[in-house]
Amino acid sequence: MADDDHADLVPIPALLRAARGAYGNAIRARLAQAGHEDLPRNGAYVLGGMANQGVPASQLVRELGVSKQAAGQLIDTLVLRGYVERRPDADDRRRVTLVVTERGAAAAAEVRAGVEEIDARLAGMLGRAQLDGLRAGLIALTTIREEAEEQARSR
């Protein structure tokens, strides 16, 4: 993929798949270095979204597109390993709220640092205008996906 002469020949889906590994590798390395190598697959996404962005776990799990069983297993593992804890919902005692623990916040900080590391390298390689264009293109792709999913649900 490093050969710029042929980059325009590689289909965008292949580039997206290869590129996302840059973030995953940086995040996994930081987590391992900080003693969080037991964070389950997709755990960094859920934990980082909860702690760093304030997104509810239910939304993050839905965005993963995994089965209810896989989502439940992920949350159970995060609880068991001390990254989040279940607490009764203050407004509805029948519901449970997931809260990031101190250990979870520390892991989420490593997730954020890994993302920031790659973001900085990317900005240095592309420059502001190209980085803004990349972001706009990814947002457009997300919109296309969301529209297609909405159409599929309405059928």
C-alpha atoms as a PDB file:
ATOM      1  CA  MET A   1       0.000   0.000   0.000  1.00  0.00           C
ATOM      2  CA  ALA A   2       2.972   2.317   0.396  1.00  0.00           C
ATOM      3  CA  ASP A   3       3.406   2.649  -3.384  1.00  0.00           C
ATOM      4  CA  ASP A   4       1.748   6.008  -4.167  1.00  0.00           C
ATOM      5  CA  ASP A   5       1.999   5.398  -7.932  1.00  0.00           C
ATOM      6  CA  HIS A   6      -0.671   2.691  -7.688  1.00  0.00           C
ATOM      7  CA  ALA A   7      -2.787   4.015  -4.810  1.00  0.00           C
ATOM      8  CA  ASP A   8      -5.535   5.165  -7.189  1.00  0.00           C
ATOM      9  CA  LEU A   9      -5.908   1.585  -8.465  1.00  0.00           C
ATOM     10  CA  VAL A  10      -6.797   0.186  -5.030  1.00  0.00           C
ATOM     11  CA  PRO A  11     -10.560   0.178  -4.358  1.00  0.00           C
ATOM     12  CA  ILE A  12     -11.677   2.474  -1.529  1.00  0.00           C
ATOM     13  CA  PRO A  13     -13.139  -0.402   0.557  1.00  0.00           C
ATOM     14  CA  ALA A  14      -9.736  -2.106   0.534  1.00  0.00           C
ATOM     15  CA  LEU A  15      -8.047   1.138   1.551  1.00  0.00           C
ATOM     16  CA  LEU A  16     -10.519   1.654   4.388  1.00  0.00           C
ATOM     17  CA  ARG A  17      -9.964  -1.865   5.684  1.00  0.00           C
ATOM     18  CA  ALA A  18      -6.182  -1.524   5.563  1.00  0.00           C
ATOM     19  CA  ALA A  19      -6.192   1.989   7.028  1.00  0.00           C
ATOM     20  CA  ARG A  20      -8.264   1.248  10.111  1.00  0.00           C
ATOM     21  CA  GLY A  21      -5.475  -0.997  11.318  1.00  0.00           C
ATOM     22  CA  ALA A  22      -3.326   2.068  11.983  1.00  0.00           C
ATOM     23  CA  TYR A  23      -5.639   3.104  14.811  1.00  0.00           C
ATOM     24  CA  GLY A  24      -6.144  -0.442  16.072  1.00  0.00           C
ATOM     25  CA  ASN A  25      -2.418  -1.123  16.236  1.00  0.00           C
ATOM     26  CA  ALA A  26      -1.664   2.113  18.083  1.00  0.00           C
ATOM     27  CA  ILE A  27      -4.506   1.570  20.549  1.00  0.00           C
ATOM     28  CA  ARG A  28      -3.591  -2.070  21.235  1.00  0.00           C
ATOM     29  CA  ALA A  29       0.064  -1.155  21.791  1.00  0.00           C
ATOM     30  CA  ARG A  30      -0.821   1.587  24.282  1.00  0.00           C
ATOM     31  CA  LEU A  31      -3.311  -0.652  26.103  1.00  0.00           C
ATOM     32  CA  ALA A  32      -0.779  -3.466  26.409  1.00  0.00           C
ATOM     33  CA  GLN A  33       1.929  -1.094  27.629  1.00  0.00           C
ATOM     34  CA  ALA A  34      -0.448   0.222  30.317  1.00  0.00           C
ATOM     35  CA  GLY A  35      -1.499  -3.252  31.501  1.00  0.00           C
ATOM     36  CA  HIS A  36      -4.882  -3.417  29.772  1.00  0.00           C
ATOM     37  CA  GLU A  37      -4.179  -6.268  27.382  1.00  0.00           C
ATOM     38  CA  ASP A  38      -7.276  -8.054  28.715  1.00  0.00           C
ATOM     39  CA  LEU A  39      -9.648  -5.528  27.142  1.00  0.00           C
ATOM     40  CA  PRO A  40     -11.901  -7.626  24.891  1.00  0.00           C
ATOM     41  CA  ARG A  41     -12.326  -7.180  21.156  1.00  0.00           C
ATOM     42  CA  ASN A  42     -14.518  -4.113  20.524  1.00  0.00           C
ATOM     43  CA  GLY A  43     -14.016  -3.147  24.175  1.00  0.00           C
ATOM     44  CA  ALA A  44     -11.812  -0.183  23.261  1.00  0.00           C
ATOM     45  CA  TYR A  45     -14.550   1.177  20.988  1.00  0.00           C
ATOM     46  CA  VAL A  46     -17.255   0.889  23.636  1.00  0.00           C
ATOM     47  CA  LEU A  47     -15.103   2.040  26.536  1.00  0.00           C
ATOM     48  CA  GLY A  48     -13.529   4.897  24.581  1.00  0.00           C
ATOM     49  CA  GLY A  49     -16.917   6.084  23.360  1.00  0.00           C
ATOM     50  CA  MET A  50     -18.406   5.977  26.835  1.00  0.00           C
ATOM     51  CA  ALA A  51     -15.527   7.637  28.687  1.00  0.00           C
ATOM     52  CA  ASN A  52     -14.097   9.957  26.039  1.00  0.00           C
ATOM     53  CA  GLN A  53     -17.231  10.956  24.127  1.00  0.00           C
ATOM     54  CA  GLY A  54     -20.039  10.436  26.647  1.00  0.00           C
ATOM     55  CA  VAL A  55     -21.942   8.109  24.312  1.00  0.00           C
ATOM     56  CA  PRO A  56     -24.275   5.571  25.975  1.00  0.00           C
ATOM     57  CA  ALA A  57     -23.049   1.972  25.839  1.00  0.00           C
ATOM     58  CA  SER A  58     -26.323   0.898  24.210  1.00  0.00           C
ATOM     59  CA  GLN A  59     -25.685   3.196  21.230  1.00  0.00           C
ATOM     60  CA  LEU A  60     -22.066   2.080  20.870  1.00  0.00           C
ATOM     61  CA  VAL A  61     -23.017  -1.596  20.947  1.00  0.00           C
ATOM     62  CA  ARG A  62     -25.745  -0.937  18.362  1.00  0.00           C
ATOM     63  CA  GLU A  63     -23.154   0.783  16.131  1.00  0.00           C
ATOM     64  CA  LEU A  64     -20.982  -2.336  16.304  1.00  0.00           C
ATOM     65  CA  GLY A  65     -23.747  -4.257  14.554  1.00  0.00           C
ATOM     66  CA  VAL A  66     -23.239  -7.401  16.634  1.00  0.00           C
ATOM     67  CA  SER A  67     -25.913  -9.796  17.856  1.00  0.00           C
ATOM     68  CA  LYS A  68     -27.633  -9.224  21.206  1.00  0.00           C
ATOM     69  CA  GLN A  69     -25.780 -12.251  22.549  1.00  0.00           C
ATOM     70  CA  ALA A  70     -22.383 -10.890  21.455  1.00  0.00           C
ATOM     71  CA  ALA A  71     -23.257  -7.463  22.873  1.00  0.00           C
ATOM     72  CA  GLY A  72     -24.230  -9.015  26.198  1.00  0.00           C
ATOM     73  CA  GLN A  73     -21.015 -11.023  26.313  1.00  0.00           C
ATOM     74  CA  LEU A  74     -18.957  -7.903  25.604  1.00  0.00           C
ATOM     75  CA  ILE A  75     -20.636  -5.932  28.392  1.00  0.00           C
ATOM     76  CA  ASP A  76     -20.376  -8.886  30.799  1.00  0.00           C
ATOM     77  CA  THR A  77     -16.654  -9.150  30.066  1.00  0.00           C
ATOM     78  CA  LEU A  78     -16.124  -5.411  30.571  1.00  0.00           C
ATOM     79  CA  VAL A  79     -17.910  -5.685  33.934  1.00  0.00           C
ATOM     80  CA  LEU A  80     -16.079  -8.863  34.970  1.00  0.00           C
ATOM     81  CA  ARG A  81     -12.687  -7.343  34.176  1.00  0.00           C
ATOM     82  CA  GLY A  82     -13.471  -4.145  36.061  1.00  0.00           C
ATOM     83  CA  TYR A  83     -13.738  -1.651  33.204  1.00  0.00           C
ATOM     84  CA  VAL A  84     -17.398  -0.776  33.808  1.00  0.00           C
ATOM     85  CA  GLU A  85     -19.910  -1.498  36.521  1.00  0.00           C
ATOM     86  CA  ARG A  86     -23.649  -1.910  36.491  1.00  0.00           C
ATOM     87  CA  ARG A  87     -25.705   0.450  38.643  1.00  0.00           C
ATOM     88  CA  PRO A  88     -29.465   0.782  39.044  1.00  0.00           C
ATOM     89  CA  ASP A  89     -30.871   3.586  36.880  1.00  0.00           C
ATOM     90  CA  ALA A  90     -31.807   6.536  39.090  1.00  0.00           C
ATOM     91  CA  ASP A  91     -34.971   7.246  37.073  1.00  0.00           C
ATOM     92  CA  ASP A  92     -36.133   3.686  36.459  1.00  0.00           C
ATOM     93  CA  ARG A  93     -35.122   0.997  38.963  1.00  0.00           C
ATOM     94  CA  ARG A  94     -35.960  -1.712  36.406  1.00  0.00           C
ATOM     95  CA  ARG A  95     -33.121  -0.487  34.195  1.00  0.00           C
ATOM     96  CA  VAL A  96     -29.388  -0.742  34.706  1.00  0.00           C
ATOM     97  CA  THR A  97     -26.850   1.939  33.853  1.00  0.00           C
ATOM     98  CA  LEU A  98     -23.271   1.156  32.898  1.00  0.00           C
ATOM     99  CA  VAL A  99     -20.666   3.382  34.528  1.00  0.00           C
ATOM    100  CA  VAL A 100     -16.976   3.536  33.622  1.00  0.00           C
ATOM    101  CA  THR A 101     -14.754   2.573  36.567  1.00  0.00           C
ATOM    102  CA  GLU A 102     -11.395   4.101  37.446  1.00  0.00           C
ATOM    103  CA  ARG A 103      -9.707   1.217  35.618  1.00  0.00           C
ATOM    104  CA  GLY A 104     -11.970   1.819  32.640  1.00  0.00           C
ATOM    105  CA  ALA A 105     -11.152   5.524  32.605  1.00  0.00           C
ATOM    106  CA  ALA A 106      -7.430   4.716  32.590  1.00  0.00           C
ATOM    107  CA  ALA A 107      -7.889   2.345  29.650  1.00  0.00           C
ATOM    108  CA  ALA A 108     -10.047   4.915  27.838  1.00  0.00           C
ATOM    109  CA  ALA A 109      -7.274   7.485  28.273  1.00  0.00           C
ATOM    110  CA  GLU A 110      -4.916   5.081  26.481  1.00  0.00           C
ATOM    111  CA  VAL A 111      -7.480   4.620  23.700  1.00  0.00           C
ATOM    112  CA  ARG A 112      -7.699   8.401  23.300  1.00  0.00           C
ATOM    113  CA  ALA A 113      -3.897   8.733  23.299  1.00  0.00           C
ATOM    114  CA  GLY A 114      -3.618   6.061  20.597  1.00  0.00           C
ATOM    115  CA  VAL A 115      -6.169   7.872  18.430  1.00  0.00           C
ATOM    116  CA  GLU A 116      -4.447  11.215  18.980  1.00  0.00           C
ATOM    117  CA  GLU A 117      -1.088   9.683  18.060  1.00  0.00           C
ATOM    118  CA  ILE A 118      -2.365   8.502  14.683  1.00  0.00           C
ATOM    119  CA  ASP A 119      -4.360  11.709  14.125  1.00  0.00           C
ATOM    120  CA  ALA A 120      -1.172  13.749  14.631  1.00  0.00           C
ATOM    121  CA  ARG A 121       0.838  11.580  12.254  1.00  0.00           C
ATOM    122  CA  LEU A 122      -1.941  11.763   9.686  1.00  0.00           C
ATOM    123  CA  ALA A 123      -2.163  15.556   9.962  1.00  0.00           C
ATOM    124  CA  GLY A 124       1.588  15.775   9.468  1.00  0.00           C
ATOM    125  CA  MET A 125       1.431  13.619   6.347  1.00  0.00           C
ATOM    126  CA  LEU A 126      -1.642  15.211   4.749  1.00  0.00           C
ATOM    127  CA  GLY A 127      -1.932  18.792   5.876  1.00  0.00           C
ATOM    128  CA  ARG A 128      -5.118  20.531   6.997  1.00  0.00           C
ATOM    129  CA  ALA A 129      -6.974  20.699   3.662  1.00  0.00           C
ATOM    130  CA  GLN A 130      -6.475  17.028   2.818  1.00  0.00           C
ATOM    131  CA  LEU A 131      -7.326  15.966   6.362  1.00  0.00           C
ATOM    132  CA  ASP A 132     -10.553  18.002   6.203  1.00  0.00           C
ATOM    133  CA  GLY A 133     -11.329  16.346   2.856  1.00  0.00           C
ATOM    134  CA  LEU A 134     -10.701  12.891   4.290  1.00  0.00           C
ATOM    135  CA  ARG A 135     -13.001  13.624   7.225  1.00  0.00           C
ATOM    136  CA  ALA A 136     -15.712  14.980   4.883  1.00  0.00           C
ATOM    137  CA  GLY A 137     -15.446  11.887   2.689  1.00  0.00           C
ATOM    138  CA  LEU A 138     -15.770   9.539   5.645  1.00  0.00           C
ATOM    139  CA  ILE A 139     -18.786  11.468   6.931  1.00  0.00           C
ATOM    140  CA  ALA A 140     -20.363  11.211   3.468  1.00  0.00           C
ATOM    141  CA  LEU A 141     -19.772   7.441   3.436  1.00  0.00           C
ATOM    142  CA  THR A 142     -21.366   7.190   6.870  1.00  0.00           C
ATOM    143  CA  THR A 143     -24.404   9.105   5.618  1.00  0.00           C
ATOM    144  CA  ILE A 144     -24.724   6.761   2.632  1.00  0.00           C
ATOM    145  CA  ARG A 145     -24.580   3.736   4.947  1.00  0.00           C
ATOM    146  CA  GLU A 146     -27.145   5.196   7.352  1.00  0.00           C
ATOM    147  CA  GLU A 147     -29.539   6.002   4.488  1.00  0.00           C
ATOM    148  CA  ALA A 148     -29.241   2.465   3.122  1.00  0.00           C
ATOM    149  CA  GLU A 149     -29.874   0.979   6.574  1.00  0.00           C
ATOM    150  CA  GLU A 150     -32.903   3.202   7.074  1.00  0.00           C
ATOM    151  CA  GLN A 151     -34.310   2.147   3.692  1.00  0.00           C
ATOM    152  CA  ALA A 152     -33.768  -1.520   4.570  1.00  0.00           C
ATOM    153  CA  ARG A 153     -35.596  -1.084   7.892  1.00  0.00           C
ATOM    154  CA  SER A 154     -38.557   0.625   6.229  1.00  0.00           C
ATOM    155  CA  ARG A 155     -39.123  -2.229   3.748  1.00  0.00           C
END
